[in-house]
Amino acid sequence: MPFAAIILSGLIGTAAMTGIMYICSFMNEKTIRVPKILGTMLSFSTTAHGKLCNTPLCISIGIVSHYAMGIFFMFCYYLLWYFNYGKPDIFYALVFGLVHGVVGIGIWRIFFNLHPNPPYIPLTSYSIELLIGHFVFALTGIISYNLINQVLRIGEIQP
């Protein structure tokens, strides 16, 4: 199993996703930062006014968990390829990005509904940015996976 390619491409895909979501956030003038939202939610640290937590601990929890999920999802992509559900190419990057984005939006909405004190986040614009972000994750993750495999000469996925 190409652990190095899975881990590195998960990190690269997550970094690209985070970057594009920061750009989207800047363009629509809403402060939507996935690591801060995730850190606030996981540490149960929403402020009294419904704002995101700004402590280094909350931000660290958000960053680590976000990147860990990126690695996990690249591993899921690898398993899909391994069992012949798609392959690591651009077409399947778009398919996986769409499915991954829709699933991600659903998970976030459930998370917000079940959380005892979620921060105030405009969920509609956040959902749109999540979908865009997951397309970027899948594209950059899969492209980087292929490049890393070529550099490391790991070869094709064998079932």
C-alpha atoms as a PDB file:
ATOM      1  CA  MET A   1       0.000   0.000   0.000  1.00  0.00           C
ATOM      2  CA  PRO A   2       1.433   3.392  -0.971  1.00  0.00           C
ATOM      3  CA  PHE A   3       1.256   4.997   2.492  1.00  0.00           C
ATOM      4  CA  ALA A   4       3.539   7.914   1.580  1.00  0.00           C
ATOM      5  CA  ALA A   5       1.452   8.830  -1.457  1.00  0.00           C
ATOM      6  CA  ILE A   6      -1.811   8.565   0.506  1.00  0.00           C
ATOM      7  CA  ILE A   7      -0.543  10.690   3.396  1.00  0.00           C
ATOM      8  CA  LEU A   8       1.191  13.336   1.283  1.00  0.00           C
ATOM      9  CA  SER A   9      -1.658  13.665  -1.215  1.00  0.00           C
ATOM     10  CA  GLY A  10      -4.157  13.884   1.672  1.00  0.00           C
ATOM     11  CA  LEU A  11      -2.121  16.739   3.158  1.00  0.00           C
ATOM     12  CA  ILE A  12      -1.760  18.491  -0.205  1.00  0.00           C
ATOM     13  CA  GLY A  13      -5.450  18.090  -1.049  1.00  0.00           C
ATOM     14  CA  THR A  14      -6.461  19.436   2.359  1.00  0.00           C
ATOM     15  CA  ALA A  15      -4.110  22.404   2.031  1.00  0.00           C
ATOM     16  CA  ALA A  16      -5.536  23.228  -1.410  1.00  0.00           C
ATOM     17  CA  MET A  17      -9.103  22.850  -0.118  1.00  0.00           C
ATOM     18  CA  THR A  18      -8.374  25.104   2.846  1.00  0.00           C
ATOM     19  CA  GLY A  19      -6.748  27.690   0.590  1.00  0.00           C
ATOM     20  CA  ILE A  20      -9.656  27.831  -1.856  1.00  0.00           C
ATOM     21  CA  MET A  21     -12.136  28.090   1.017  1.00  0.00           C
ATOM     22  CA  TYR A  22     -10.154  31.031   2.431  1.00  0.00           C
ATOM     23  CA  ILE A  23     -10.327  32.686  -0.992  1.00  0.00           C
ATOM     24  CA  CYS A  24     -14.095  32.041  -1.208  1.00  0.00           C
ATOM     25  CA  SER A  25     -14.487  33.420   2.306  1.00  0.00           C
ATOM     26  CA  PHE A  26     -12.593  36.556   1.346  1.00  0.00           C
ATOM     27  CA  MET A  27     -14.614  37.000  -1.857  1.00  0.00           C
ATOM     28  CA  ASN A  28     -18.026  36.751  -0.196  1.00  0.00           C
ATOM     29  CA  GLU A  29     -16.862  38.730   2.863  1.00  0.00           C
ATOM     30  CA  LYS A  30     -17.840  36.004   5.319  1.00  0.00           C
ATOM     31  CA  THR A  31     -15.385  34.642   7.840  1.00  0.00           C
ATOM     32  CA  ILE A  32     -15.597  30.929   7.199  1.00  0.00           C
ATOM     33  CA  ARG A  33     -12.476  29.094   8.305  1.00  0.00           C
ATOM     34  CA  VAL A  34     -12.873  25.306   8.407  1.00  0.00           C
ATOM     35  CA  PRO A  35     -10.118  24.659  10.981  1.00  0.00           C
ATOM     36  CA  LYS A  36     -11.528  27.312  13.349  1.00  0.00           C
ATOM     37  CA  ILE A  37     -15.080  26.033  12.951  1.00  0.00           C
ATOM     38  CA  LEU A  38     -13.967  22.447  13.445  1.00  0.00           C
ATOM     39  CA  GLY A  39     -11.799  23.325  16.449  1.00  0.00           C
ATOM     40  CA  THR A  40     -14.599  25.336  18.046  1.00  0.00           C
ATOM     41  CA  MET A  41     -17.115  22.544  17.520  1.00  0.00           C
ATOM     42  CA  LEU A  42     -14.845  19.702  18.675  1.00  0.00           C
ATOM     43  CA  SER A  43     -13.681  21.554  21.789  1.00  0.00           C
ATOM     44  CA  PHE A  44     -17.193  22.820  22.604  1.00  0.00           C
ATOM     45  CA  SER A  45     -15.766  26.343  22.820  1.00  0.00           C
ATOM     46  CA  THR A  46     -18.320  28.546  21.074  1.00  0.00           C
ATOM     47  CA  THR A  47     -18.257  31.981  22.683  1.00  0.00           C
ATOM     48  CA  ALA A  48     -21.262  33.338  24.555  1.00  0.00           C
ATOM     49  CA  HIS A  49     -22.110  35.422  21.476  1.00  0.00           C
ATOM     50  CA  GLY A  50     -22.020  32.443  19.084  1.00  0.00           C
ATOM     51  CA  LYS A  51     -18.573  33.240  17.704  1.00  0.00           C
ATOM     52  CA  LEU A  52     -15.645  30.988  16.935  1.00  0.00           C
ATOM     53  CA  CYS A  53     -12.978  30.199  19.499  1.00  0.00           C
ATOM     54  CA  ASN A  54      -9.644  31.948  18.855  1.00  0.00           C
ATOM     55  CA  THR A  55      -7.429  30.126  21.337  1.00  0.00           C
ATOM     56  CA  PRO A  56      -4.352  28.312  20.032  1.00  0.00           C
ATOM     57  CA  LEU A  57      -5.774  25.053  21.433  1.00  0.00           C
ATOM     58  CA  CYS A  58      -9.039  25.360  19.455  1.00  0.00           C
ATOM     59  CA  ILE A  59      -7.213  26.298  16.279  1.00  0.00           C
ATOM     60  CA  SER A  60      -4.715  23.432  16.752  1.00  0.00           C
ATOM     61  CA  ILE A  61      -7.526  20.912  17.302  1.00  0.00           C
ATOM     62  CA  GLY A  62      -9.200  22.163  14.127  1.00  0.00           C
ATOM     63  CA  ILE A  63      -6.058  22.043  12.000  1.00  0.00           C
ATOM     64  CA  VAL A  64      -4.974  18.579  13.157  1.00  0.00           C
ATOM     65  CA  SER A  65      -8.448  17.084  12.774  1.00  0.00           C
ATOM     66  CA  HIS A  66      -8.970  18.692   9.359  1.00  0.00           C
ATOM     67  CA  TYR A  67      -5.701  17.346   7.974  1.00  0.00           C
ATOM     68  CA  ALA A  68      -6.318  13.935   9.572  1.00  0.00           C
ATOM     69  CA  MET A  69      -9.664  13.787   7.761  1.00  0.00           C
ATOM     70  CA  GLY A  70      -7.923  14.682   4.501  1.00  0.00           C
ATOM     71  CA  ILE A  71      -5.559  11.738   4.928  1.00  0.00           C
ATOM     72  CA  PHE A  72      -8.491   9.495   5.872  1.00  0.00           C
ATOM     73  CA  PHE A  73     -10.430  10.465   2.753  1.00  0.00           C
ATOM     74  CA  MET A  74      -7.425   9.898   0.484  1.00  0.00           C
ATOM     75  CA  PHE A  75      -7.196   6.436   2.056  1.00  0.00           C
ATOM     76  CA  CYS A  76     -10.907   5.960   1.234  1.00  0.00           C
ATOM     77  CA  TYR A  77     -10.224   7.037  -2.360  1.00  0.00           C
ATOM     78  CA  TYR A  78      -7.370   4.512  -2.512  1.00  0.00           C
ATOM     79  CA  LEU A  79      -9.648   1.736  -1.240  1.00  0.00           C
ATOM     80  CA  LEU A  80     -12.241   2.615  -3.887  1.00  0.00           C
ATOM     81  CA  TRP A  81      -9.569   2.408  -6.600  1.00  0.00           C
ATOM     82  CA  TYR A  82      -8.193  -0.804  -5.128  1.00  0.00           C
ATOM     83  CA  PHE A  83     -11.614  -2.452  -5.324  1.00  0.00           C
ATOM     84  CA  ASN A  84     -12.149  -1.142  -8.892  1.00  0.00           C
ATOM     85  CA  TYR A  85     -14.540   1.703  -8.119  1.00  0.00           C
ATOM     86  CA  GLY A  86     -13.038   4.309 -10.360  1.00  0.00           C
ATOM     87  CA  LYS A  87      -9.390   5.123 -10.845  1.00  0.00           C
ATOM     88  CA  PRO A  88      -7.089   8.006  -9.959  1.00  0.00           C
ATOM     89  CA  ASP A  89      -7.874  10.265 -12.917  1.00  0.00           C
ATOM     90  CA  ILE A  90      -9.539  13.629 -13.521  1.00  0.00           C
ATOM     91  CA  PHE A  91     -12.974  12.207 -14.311  1.00  0.00           C
ATOM     92  CA  TYR A  92     -13.140  10.286 -11.037  1.00  0.00           C
ATOM     93  CA  ALA A  93     -11.666  13.240  -9.185  1.00  0.00           C
ATOM     94  CA  LEU A  94     -14.747  15.202 -10.249  1.00  0.00           C
ATOM     95  CA  VAL A  95     -17.074  12.321  -9.325  1.00  0.00           C
ATOM     96  CA  PHE A  96     -15.384  11.754  -5.957  1.00  0.00           C
ATOM     97  CA  GLY A  97     -15.305  15.514  -5.308  1.00  0.00           C
ATOM     98  CA  LEU A  98     -19.044  15.789  -5.906  1.00  0.00           C
ATOM     99  CA  VAL A  99     -19.922  12.782  -3.755  1.00  0.00           C
ATOM    100  CA  HIS A 100     -17.408  13.734  -1.067  1.00  0.00           C
ATOM    101  CA  GLY A 101     -18.749  17.310  -1.060  1.00  0.00           C
ATOM    102  CA  VAL A 102     -22.386  16.263  -0.727  1.00  0.00           C
ATOM    103  CA  VAL A 103     -21.504  13.808   2.046  1.00  0.00           C
ATOM    104  CA  GLY A 104     -19.384  16.474   3.757  1.00  0.00           C
ATOM    105  CA  ILE A 105     -22.231  18.992   3.657  1.00  0.00           C
ATOM    106  CA  GLY A 106     -24.577  16.405   5.131  1.00  0.00           C
ATOM    107  CA  ILE A 107     -22.141  15.566   7.926  1.00  0.00           C
ATOM    108  CA  TRP A 108     -21.622  19.246   8.762  1.00  0.00           C
ATOM    109  CA  ARG A 109     -25.375  19.883   8.879  1.00  0.00           C
ATOM    110  CA  ILE A 110     -25.889  16.902  11.187  1.00  0.00           C
ATOM    111  CA  PHE A 111     -22.951  18.077  13.321  1.00  0.00           C
ATOM    112  CA  PHE A 112     -24.476  21.567  13.644  1.00  0.00           C
ATOM    113  CA  ASN A 113     -27.926  20.149  14.464  1.00  0.00           C
ATOM    114  CA  LEU A 114     -26.624  17.761  17.134  1.00  0.00           C
ATOM    115  CA  HIS A 115     -24.083  20.116  18.714  1.00  0.00           C
ATOM    116  CA  PRO A 116     -25.307  21.641  22.000  1.00  0.00           C
ATOM    117  CA  ASN A 117     -23.845  25.090  21.261  1.00  0.00           C
ATOM    118  CA  PRO A 118     -22.748  25.510  17.638  1.00  0.00           C
ATOM    119  CA  PRO A 119     -21.240  28.791  16.505  1.00  0.00           C
ATOM    120  CA  TYR A 120     -23.302  31.006  14.236  1.00  0.00           C
ATOM    121  CA  ILE A 121     -22.225  30.157  10.682  1.00  0.00           C
ATOM    122  CA  PRO A 122     -24.146  31.036   7.522  1.00  0.00           C
ATOM    123  CA  LEU A 123     -24.735  27.400   6.555  1.00  0.00           C
ATOM    124  CA  THR A 124     -25.939  28.062   3.004  1.00  0.00           C
ATOM    125  CA  SER A 125     -22.801  29.898   1.892  1.00  0.00           C
ATOM    126  CA  TYR A 126     -20.670  27.514   3.977  1.00  0.00           C
ATOM    127  CA  SER A 127     -22.248  24.551   2.154  1.00  0.00           C
ATOM    128  CA  ILE A 128     -21.483  26.067  -1.250  1.00  0.00           C
ATOM    129  CA  GLU A 129     -17.875  26.672  -0.212  1.00  0.00           C
ATOM    130  CA  LEU A 130     -17.627  23.116   1.130  1.00  0.00           C
ATOM    131  CA  LEU A 131     -18.758  21.718  -2.210  1.00  0.00           C
ATOM    132  CA  ILE A 132     -16.196  23.823  -4.080  1.00  0.00           C
ATOM    133  CA  GLY A 133     -13.552  22.892  -1.513  1.00  0.00           C
ATOM    134  CA  HIS A 134     -14.188  19.171  -1.911  1.00  0.00           C
ATOM    135  CA  PHE A 135     -13.838  19.404  -5.694  1.00  0.00           C
ATOM    136  CA  VAL A 136     -10.490  21.104  -5.144  1.00  0.00           C
ATOM    137  CA  PHE A 137      -9.503  18.492  -2.554  1.00  0.00           C
ATOM    138  CA  ALA A 138     -10.289  15.621  -4.907  1.00  0.00           C
ATOM    139  CA  LEU A 139      -8.557  17.198  -7.916  1.00  0.00           C
ATOM    140  CA  THR A 140      -5.371  18.242  -6.125  1.00  0.00           C
ATOM    141  CA  GLY A 141      -5.324  15.110  -3.981  1.00  0.00           C
ATOM    142  CA  ILE A 142      -5.581  12.779  -6.953  1.00  0.00           C
ATOM    143  CA  ILE A 143      -3.157  14.743  -9.118  1.00  0.00           C
ATOM    144  CA  SER A 144      -0.620  14.839  -6.286  1.00  0.00           C
ATOM    145  CA  TYR A 145      -1.212  11.129  -5.563  1.00  0.00           C
ATOM    146  CA  ASN A 146      -0.313  10.294  -9.168  1.00  0.00           C
ATOM    147  CA  LEU A 147       2.745  12.576  -9.177  1.00  0.00           C
ATOM    148  CA  ILE A 148       4.023  11.178  -5.883  1.00  0.00           C
ATOM    149  CA  ASN A 149       3.538   7.626  -7.162  1.00  0.00           C
ATOM    150  CA  GLN A 150       5.546   8.490 -10.273  1.00  0.00           C
ATOM    151  CA  VAL A 151       8.362  10.025  -8.246  1.00  0.00           C
ATOM    152  CA  LEU A 152       8.434   7.133  -5.774  1.00  0.00           C
ATOM    153  CA  ARG A 153       7.901   4.621  -8.609  1.00  0.00           C
ATOM    154  CA  ILE A 154       5.205   2.828  -6.638  1.00  0.00           C
ATOM    155  CA  GLY A 155       3.291   1.798  -9.710  1.00  0.00           C
ATOM    156  CA  GLU A 156      -0.290   0.887 -10.419  1.00  0.00           C
ATOM    157  CA  ILE A 157      -2.916  -0.088  -7.888  1.00  0.00           C
ATOM    158  CA  GLN A 158      -3.219  -3.873  -7.746  1.00  0.00           C
ATOM    159  CA  PRO A 159      -6.337  -5.528  -6.291  1.00  0.00           C
END
